[in-house]
Amino acid sequence: AQSSQGAAASSKSTKQADRALAKAVRRALGKTPGFDVSGVFVKARGGAITLSGSVKDGSQIEQAGEVAKSVQGVTSVSNKLTLFHGGNG
C-alpha cells in the first residue's frame, strides 16, 4: 500500500491527466466532421471517459463513443449522451 503522501501527490497529477484527457477527447469530437460538440460534456477519471449531454442527431451518440475510444489514454467509455429534442427541429 502507498503512503498517504504518495497517494495525495499521485491523485493531483491524476487530476491533471484526467483534465488533459477530457480536453483531448473534446478536441477529437470537435474535429469530427458534422459533429456538434456544443451540448456534450466530457469527464475523465483515470482513463475512464464519461460522455454526457445531448446531440442533435442519434447517429452522433455512437460516433462520439467511437471517437472517445480512439483517443490515446482512454481505457473505457461510458456513453450517457442523449438525443436532443429541440422545439425547432
C-alpha atoms as a PDB file:
ATOM      1  CA  ALA A   1       0.000   0.000   0.000  1.00  0.00           C
ATOM      2  CA  GLN A   2       1.145   3.535  -0.751  1.00  0.00           C
ATOM      3  CA  SER A   3       1.826   6.087   1.949  1.00  0.00           C
ATOM      4  CA  SER A   4      -0.881   8.745   2.172  1.00  0.00           C
ATOM      5  CA  GLN A   5       1.580  11.384   0.969  1.00  0.00           C
ATOM      6  CA  GLY A   6       2.347   9.430  -2.170  1.00  0.00           C
ATOM      7  CA  ALA A   7      -1.341   8.896  -2.864  1.00  0.00           C
ATOM      8  CA  ALA A   8      -2.083  12.592  -2.489  1.00  0.00           C
ATOM      9  CA  ALA A   9       0.691  13.522  -4.907  1.00  0.00           C
ATOM     10  CA  SER A  10      -0.399  10.942  -7.458  1.00  0.00           C
ATOM     11  CA  SER A  11      -4.036  11.985  -7.211  1.00  0.00           C
ATOM     12  CA  LYS A  12      -3.048  15.560  -8.043  1.00  0.00           C
ATOM     13  CA  SER A  13      -1.188  14.521 -11.172  1.00  0.00           C
ATOM     14  CA  THR A  14      -4.065  12.154 -11.969  1.00  0.00           C
ATOM     15  CA  LYS A  15      -6.466  15.103 -11.842  1.00  0.00           C
ATOM     16  CA  GLN A  16      -4.281  16.991 -14.285  1.00  0.00           C
ATOM     17  CA  ALA A  17      -4.064  13.943 -16.523  1.00  0.00           C
ATOM     18  CA  ASP A  18      -7.844  13.493 -16.351  1.00  0.00           C
ATOM     19  CA  ARG A  19      -8.384  17.105 -17.332  1.00  0.00           C
ATOM     20  CA  ALA A  20      -5.933  16.808 -20.206  1.00  0.00           C
ATOM     21  CA  LEU A  21      -7.570  13.580 -21.367  1.00  0.00           C
ATOM     22  CA  ALA A  22     -11.057  15.097 -21.224  1.00  0.00           C
ATOM     23  CA  LYS A  23      -9.766  18.040 -23.255  1.00  0.00           C
ATOM     24  CA  ALA A  24      -8.202  15.686 -25.805  1.00  0.00           C
ATOM     25  CA  VAL A  25     -11.475  13.782 -26.210  1.00  0.00           C
ATOM     26  CA  ARG A  26     -13.404  17.026 -26.568  1.00  0.00           C
ATOM     27  CA  ARG A  27     -10.917  18.259 -29.161  1.00  0.00           C
ATOM     28  CA  ALA A  28     -11.222  14.989 -31.083  1.00  0.00           C
ATOM     29  CA  LEU A  29     -15.020  15.336 -31.060  1.00  0.00           C
ATOM     30  CA  GLY A  30     -14.711  18.942 -32.193  1.00  0.00           C
ATOM     31  CA  LYS A  31     -12.595  17.822 -35.150  1.00  0.00           C
ATOM     32  CA  THR A  32     -15.144  15.211 -36.206  1.00  0.00           C
ATOM     33  CA  PRO A  33     -16.882  16.457 -39.366  1.00  0.00           C
ATOM     34  CA  GLY A  34     -20.517  17.346 -38.772  1.00  0.00           C
ATOM     35  CA  PHE A  35     -20.335  16.623 -35.047  1.00  0.00           C
ATOM     36  CA  ASP A  36     -21.882  19.248 -32.776  1.00  0.00           C
ATOM     37  CA  VAL A  37     -19.864  19.223 -29.555  1.00  0.00           C
ATOM     38  CA  SER A  38     -21.608  22.244 -28.027  1.00  0.00           C
ATOM     39  CA  GLY A  39     -24.001  20.217 -25.851  1.00  0.00           C
ATOM     40  CA  VAL A  40     -21.543  17.455 -24.970  1.00  0.00           C
ATOM     41  CA  PHE A  41     -19.769  17.183 -21.618  1.00  0.00           C
ATOM     42  CA  VAL A  42     -16.656  15.056 -21.232  1.00  0.00           C
ATOM     43  CA  LYS A  43     -15.447  13.788 -17.854  1.00  0.00           C
ATOM     44  CA  ALA A  44     -12.308  11.719 -17.379  1.00  0.00           C
ATOM     45  CA  ARG A  45     -11.338   9.663 -14.378  1.00  0.00           C
ATOM     46  CA  GLY A  46      -8.160   7.653 -14.545  1.00  0.00           C
ATOM     47  CA  GLY A  47      -8.583   6.911 -18.240  1.00  0.00           C
ATOM     48  CA  ALA A  48     -12.304   6.206 -17.979  1.00  0.00           C
ATOM     49  CA  ILE A  49     -14.313   8.699 -20.012  1.00  0.00           C
ATOM     50  CA  THR A  50     -17.910   9.646 -19.314  1.00  0.00           C
ATOM     51  CA  LEU A  51     -19.797  11.391 -22.103  1.00  0.00           C
ATOM     52  CA  SER A  52     -22.946  13.231 -21.101  1.00  0.00           C
ATOM     53  CA  GLY A  53     -25.162  15.931 -22.505  1.00  0.00           C
ATOM     54  CA  SER A  54     -27.019  15.773 -25.774  1.00  0.00           C
ATOM     55  CA  VAL A  55     -26.514  15.702 -29.531  1.00  0.00           C
ATOM     56  CA  LYS A  56     -28.942  16.682 -32.259  1.00  0.00           C
ATOM     57  CA  ASP A  57     -28.535  13.512 -34.301  1.00  0.00           C
ATOM     58  CA  GLY A  58     -28.888   9.982 -32.927  1.00  0.00           C
ATOM     59  CA  SER A  59     -26.013   8.673 -35.056  1.00  0.00           C
ATOM     60  CA  GLN A  60     -23.678  11.068 -33.257  1.00  0.00           C
ATOM     61  CA  ILE A  61     -24.168   9.238 -29.949  1.00  0.00           C
ATOM     62  CA  GLU A  62     -22.429   6.133 -31.253  1.00  0.00           C
ATOM     63  CA  GLN A  63     -19.956   8.253 -33.196  1.00  0.00           C
ATOM     64  CA  ALA A  64     -18.945  10.118 -30.035  1.00  0.00           C
ATOM     65  CA  GLY A  65     -18.274   6.818 -28.255  1.00  0.00           C
ATOM     66  CA  GLU A  66     -16.091   5.585 -31.117  1.00  0.00           C
ATOM     67  CA  VAL A  67     -14.141   8.860 -31.261  1.00  0.00           C
ATOM     68  CA  ALA A  68     -13.625   8.862 -27.492  1.00  0.00           C
ATOM     69  CA  LYS A  69     -12.359   5.256 -27.566  1.00  0.00           C
ATOM     70  CA  SER A  70      -9.837   6.160 -30.249  1.00  0.00           C
ATOM     71  CA  VAL A  71      -8.180   8.879 -28.142  1.00  0.00           C
ATOM     72  CA  GLN A  72      -4.843   7.807 -26.694  1.00  0.00           C
ATOM     73  CA  GLY A  73      -5.009   7.155 -22.953  1.00  0.00           C
ATOM     74  CA  VAL A  74      -8.715   6.319 -22.861  1.00  0.00           C
ATOM     75  CA  THR A  75      -9.302   2.947 -21.206  1.00  0.00           C
ATOM     76  CA  SER A  76     -13.107   2.870 -21.231  1.00  0.00           C
ATOM     77  CA  VAL A  77     -16.040   4.978 -22.338  1.00  0.00           C
ATOM     78  CA  SER A  78     -19.331   5.380 -20.517  1.00  0.00           C
ATOM     79  CA  ASN A  79     -21.631   6.921 -23.086  1.00  0.00           C
ATOM     80  CA  LYS A  80     -24.547   8.716 -21.465  1.00  0.00           C
ATOM     81  CA  LEU A  81     -25.305  11.007 -24.384  1.00  0.00           C
ATOM     82  CA  THR A  82     -28.958  11.582 -25.155  1.00  0.00           C
ATOM     83  CA  LEU A  83     -30.786  12.809 -28.202  1.00  0.00           C
ATOM     84  CA  PHE A  84     -31.648  16.487 -28.014  1.00  0.00           C
ATOM     85  CA  HIS A  85     -35.338  17.121 -28.632  1.00  0.00           C
ATOM     86  CA  GLY A  86     -35.465  20.776 -29.524  1.00  0.00           C
ATOM     87  CA  GLY A  87     -38.645  22.658 -30.281  1.00  0.00           C
ATOM     88  CA  ASN A  88     -37.330  23.995 -33.595  1.00  0.00           C
ATOM     89  CA  GLY A  89     -36.271  20.838 -35.388  1.00  0.00           C
END
